Amino acid sequence: MFEEQATKVKITSVVIVVGMATMLAAVVTDHWAVLSPRVEKLNATCEAAHFGLWRLCKKIIFIVEEDPQGKGCGPISLPGEYNISAAAIAIFSLIFMILGTICVIFSFGKGRDYLLRPAGMFFAFAGLCIIISVEVMRQSVKRMIDSDETIWIEYYYSWSFTCACASFTLLILSGGALLLISMPNMPRNPWETCMDAEPDTLD
């Protein structure tokens, strides 16, 4: 790998690490959305819930004062029952992320810079999978709110949801960057073909 190319890959790898960290934070936590019923009166109980890719967590809260932010029962954090969600798609995202990481690591070997191209594709696929999980989660929340079988009528997306959206942006950008870095050098003159272009100097 050329020196300039290696520097670009290292900078992109930093962005990838941040994207991976935010994705893992989103996948393993249960604060994608917070649900609560409308609080009609004080000194009463209500059932709030928050959930992620793996489970739905519930809690009975006694309301003694009105929530100034108008979010009903408010945020909670207790273990609860499992919930069917977008977990399967997120697993594919993690698999693509692992494959991309392996390709980036081995691309630093001599003559293995061609691995940057599949690495970029894997990270882009990981970003696409996580945004699909986000959309599936949004539809799940909408169905729960609109359903007559649930008591929840108010909701807001929490920090796990934000981490998922951030990881999508970072992984898509870093995947595209790796694809651009892996492209061959463009001709220096309009009449020069790629095969005629002078190769860069190796270290």
Protein backbone atom coordinates (compact mmCIF):
# COMPACT_ATOMS: atom_id res chain seq x y z
CA MET A 1 0.00 0.00 0.00
CA PHE A 2 1.31 3.49 -0.88
CA GLU A 3 2.15 5.89 1.94
CA GLU A 4 -0.50 8.44 0.99
CA GLN A 5 -3.08 5.71 0.58
CA ALA A 6 -2.19 4.18 3.96
CA THR A 7 -2.63 7.58 5.65
CA LYS A 8 -6.09 7.98 4.14
CA VAL A 9 -7.04 4.48 5.24
CA LYS A 10 -5.90 5.18 8.81
CA ILE A 11 -7.96 8.38 8.96
CA THR A 12 -10.98 6.55 7.57
CA SER A 13 -10.42 3.76 10.09
CA VAL A 14 -10.88 6.26 12.93
CA VAL A 15 -14.29 7.18 11.52
CA ILE A 16 -15.09 3.48 11.15
CA VAL A 17 -14.22 2.81 14.80
CA VAL A 18 -16.57 5.59 15.91
CA GLY A 19 -19.30 4.20 13.65
CA MET A 20 -18.78 0.70 15.02
CA ALA A 21 -18.93 1.97 18.60
CA THR A 22 -22.21 3.81 18.02
CA MET A 23 -23.69 0.79 16.25
CA LEU A 24 -22.77 -1.55 19.10
CA ALA A 25 -24.21 0.93 21.60
CA ALA A 26 -27.47 0.99 19.63
CA VAL A 27 -27.71 -2.78 19.18
CA VAL A 28 -27.05 -3.83 22.79
CA THR A 29 -29.19 -1.19 24.54
CA ASP A 30 -32.95 -0.92 24.99
CA HIS A 31 -33.60 2.78 24.62
CA TRP A 32 -34.67 3.12 21.00
CA ALA A 33 -38.11 4.41 21.93
CA VAL A 34 -39.91 5.39 25.13
CA LEU A 35 -43.68 4.82 25.29
CA SER A 36 -46.18 6.10 27.81
CA PRO A 37 -49.94 6.59 28.18
CA ARG A 38 -51.42 10.05 28.50
CA VAL A 39 -51.47 11.16 32.13
CA GLU A 40 -54.90 12.60 32.85
CA LYS A 41 -54.50 13.19 36.59
CA LEU A 42 -51.84 13.28 39.28
CA ASN A 43 -51.44 10.90 42.24
CA ALA A 44 -52.13 7.93 39.97
CA THR A 45 -50.10 5.14 38.39
CA CYS A 46 -49.30 4.58 34.72
CA GLU A 47 -47.39 1.95 32.78
CA ALA A 48 -44.46 3.28 30.78
CA ALA A 49 -42.15 1.27 28.56
CA HIS A 50 -38.96 1.52 26.57
CA PHE A 51 -37.61 -1.02 24.14
CA GLY A 52 -34.80 -1.86 21.78
CA LEU A 53 -33.94 -4.64 19.37
CA TRP A 54 -34.10 -7.41 21.93
CA ARG A 55 -36.71 -6.67 24.56
CA LEU A 56 -39.54 -4.48 25.78
CA CYS A 57 -39.11 -3.11 29.29
CA LYS A 58 -42.09 -1.99 31.38
CA LYS A 59 -42.48 -0.14 34.65
CA ILE A 60 -45.39 1.05 36.76
CA ILE A 61 -44.79 4.67 37.80
CA PHE A 62 -46.68 6.68 40.40
CA ILE A 63 -47.23 10.21 39.11
CA VAL A 64 -46.98 12.88 41.81
CA GLU A 65 -46.33 15.89 39.58
CA GLU A 66 -46.89 16.82 35.98
CA ASP A 67 -44.06 16.24 33.52
CA PRO A 68 -43.04 19.71 32.26
CA GLN A 69 -41.83 18.18 29.00
CA GLY A 70 -45.18 16.53 28.37
CA LYS A 71 -43.76 13.02 27.97
CA GLY A 72 -46.21 11.18 30.19
CA CYS A 73 -44.52 8.76 32.54
CA GLY A 74 -41.05 9.77 31.42
CA PRO A 75 -37.93 7.66 30.72
CA ILE A 76 -37.33 4.42 32.59
CA SER A 77 -34.71 1.67 32.70
CA LEU A 78 -35.78 -1.74 33.98
CA PRO A 79 -35.38 -5.22 32.48
CA GLY A 80 -38.57 -6.63 30.97
CA GLU A 81 -40.02 -9.08 28.50
CA TYR A 82 -38.57 -9.79 25.06
CA ASN A 83 -40.00 -8.00 22.04
CA ILE A 84 -39.94 -9.02 18.35
CA SER A 85 -38.12 -6.32 16.40
CA ALA A 86 -35.43 -5.58 13.85
CA ALA A 87 -32.76 -7.65 15.62
CA ALA A 88 -32.18 -10.06 12.71
CA ILE A 89 -31.31 -7.21 10.33
CA ALA A 90 -28.97 -5.72 12.94
CA ILE A 91 -27.16 -9.06 13.16
CA PHE A 92 -26.44 -8.90 9.43
CA SER A 93 -25.11 -5.40 9.98
CA LEU A 94 -22.72 -6.68 12.64
CA ILE A 95 -21.55 -9.49 10.34
CA PHE A 96 -20.81 -7.04 7.53
CA MET A 97 -18.99 -4.81 10.00
CA ILE A 98 -16.77 -7.69 11.16
CA LEU A 99 -15.98 -8.71 7.57
CA GLY A 100 -15.11 -5.12 6.68
CA THR A 101 -12.80 -4.83 9.68
CA ILE A 102 -10.97 -8.02 8.71
CA CYS A 103 -10.48 -6.74 5.15
CA VAL A 104 -9.11 -3.38 6.37
CA ILE A 105 -6.63 -5.08 8.72
CA PHE A 106 -5.29 -7.40 6.02
CA SER A 107 -5.18 -4.59 3.43
CA PHE A 108 -2.12 -3.15 5.16
CA GLY A 109 -0.13 -6.18 4.02
CA LYS A 110 2.12 -5.84 0.98
CA GLY A 111 0.16 -6.07 -2.24
CA ARG A 112 -3.19 -6.49 -0.48
CA ASP A 113 -4.65 -3.01 -0.96
CA TYR A 114 -7.27 -4.60 -3.26
CA LEU A 115 -9.03 -5.64 -0.03
CA LEU A 116 -10.05 -2.03 0.52
CA ARG A 117 -12.76 -2.38 -2.12
CA PRO A 118 -14.65 -5.25 -0.43
CA ALA A 119 -14.04 -3.56 2.93
CA GLY A 120 -15.78 -0.41 1.67
CA MET A 121 -18.68 -2.48 0.38
CA PHE A 122 -19.02 -4.39 3.65
CA PHE A 123 -19.14 -1.19 5.71
CA ALA A 124 -21.64 0.36 3.30
CA PHE A 125 -23.81 -2.76 3.59
CA ALA A 126 -23.54 -2.56 7.38
CA GLY A 127 -24.77 1.03 7.27
CA LEU A 128 -27.67 0.08 5.01
CA CYS A 129 -28.69 -2.78 7.30
CA ILE A 130 -28.72 -0.59 10.39
CA ILE A 131 -30.84 2.09 8.70
CA ILE A 132 -33.27 -0.64 7.64
CA SER A 133 -33.43 -1.67 11.30
CA VAL A 134 -34.17 1.94 12.17
CA GLU A 135 -37.05 2.06 9.71
CA VAL A 136 -38.43 -1.28 10.93
CA MET A 137 -38.27 0.08 14.47
CA ARG A 138 -40.11 3.25 13.45
CA GLN A 139 -42.86 1.20 11.86
CA SER A 140 -43.04 -1.01 14.96
CA VAL A 141 -43.47 2.02 17.21
CA LYS A 142 -46.14 3.44 14.93
CA ARG A 143 -48.07 0.16 14.97
CA MET A 144 -47.89 -0.02 18.76
CA ILE A 145 -49.13 3.55 19.16
CA ASP A 146 -51.95 3.12 16.62
CA SER A 147 -53.06 -0.25 17.99
CA ASP A 148 -56.21 -0.39 20.13
CA GLU A 149 -54.68 -3.26 22.11
CA THR A 150 -51.98 -1.11 23.73
CA ILE A 151 -52.34 1.69 26.26
CA TRP A 152 -49.44 3.75 24.94
CA ILE A 153 -50.35 6.86 22.99
CA GLU A 154 -47.26 9.01 23.45
CA TYR A 155 -43.68 8.21 22.45
CA TYR A 156 -40.31 9.68 21.65
CA TYR A 157 -37.10 8.21 20.26
CA SER A 158 -34.26 7.94 22.73
CA TRP A 159 -30.46 7.85 22.60
CA SER A 160 -30.10 4.30 21.24
CA PHE A 161 -32.09 5.39 18.19
CA THR A 162 -29.76 8.38 17.78
CA CYS A 163 -26.71 6.08 17.97
CA ALA A 164 -28.17 3.89 15.22
CA CYS A 165 -28.73 6.87 12.92
CA ALA A 166 -25.23 8.19 13.63
CA SER A 167 -23.65 4.80 12.88
CA PHE A 168 -25.50 4.66 9.55
CA THR A 169 -24.05 8.02 8.51
CA LEU A 170 -20.51 7.19 9.64
CA LEU A 171 -20.41 3.71 8.09
CA ILE A 172 -21.87 4.84 4.77
CA LEU A 173 -19.37 7.71 4.53
CA SER A 174 -16.39 5.57 5.55
CA GLY A 175 -17.43 2.77 3.20
CA GLY A 176 -17.64 5.22 0.31
CA ALA A 177 -14.29 6.69 1.29
CA LEU A 178 -12.63 3.26 1.19
CA LEU A 179 -14.10 2.63 -2.24
CA LEU A 180 -12.68 5.95 -3.49
CA ILE A 181 -9.28 5.25 -1.93
CA SER A 182 -9.15 1.83 -3.60
CA MET A 183 -9.76 3.28 -7.06
CA PRO A 184 -6.75 3.33 -9.44
CA ASN A 185 -4.92 6.59 -10.11
CA MET A 186 -6.54 8.80 -12.72
CA PRO A 187 -4.48 9.78 -15.81
CA ARG A 188 -2.48 12.99 -15.38
CA ASN A 189 -3.19 14.15 -18.96
CA PRO A 190 -6.43 14.01 -20.98
CA TRP A 191 -4.84 11.84 -23.68
CA GLU A 192 -3.15 9.48 -21.22
CA THR A 193 -4.82 6.18 -20.40
CA CYS A 194 -4.83 4.56 -16.99
CA MET A 195 -2.39 1.92 -18.23
CA ASP A 196 0.02 4.60 -19.43
CA ALA A 197 -0.05 6.62 -16.19
CA GLU A 198 3.17 6.55 -14.17
CA PRO A 199 2.85 4.44 -11.03
CA ASP A 200 3.31 6.05 -7.62
CA THR A 201 6.57 5.44 -5.83
CA LEU A 202 6.52 2.68 -3.23
CA ASP A 203 7.91 3.18 0.24
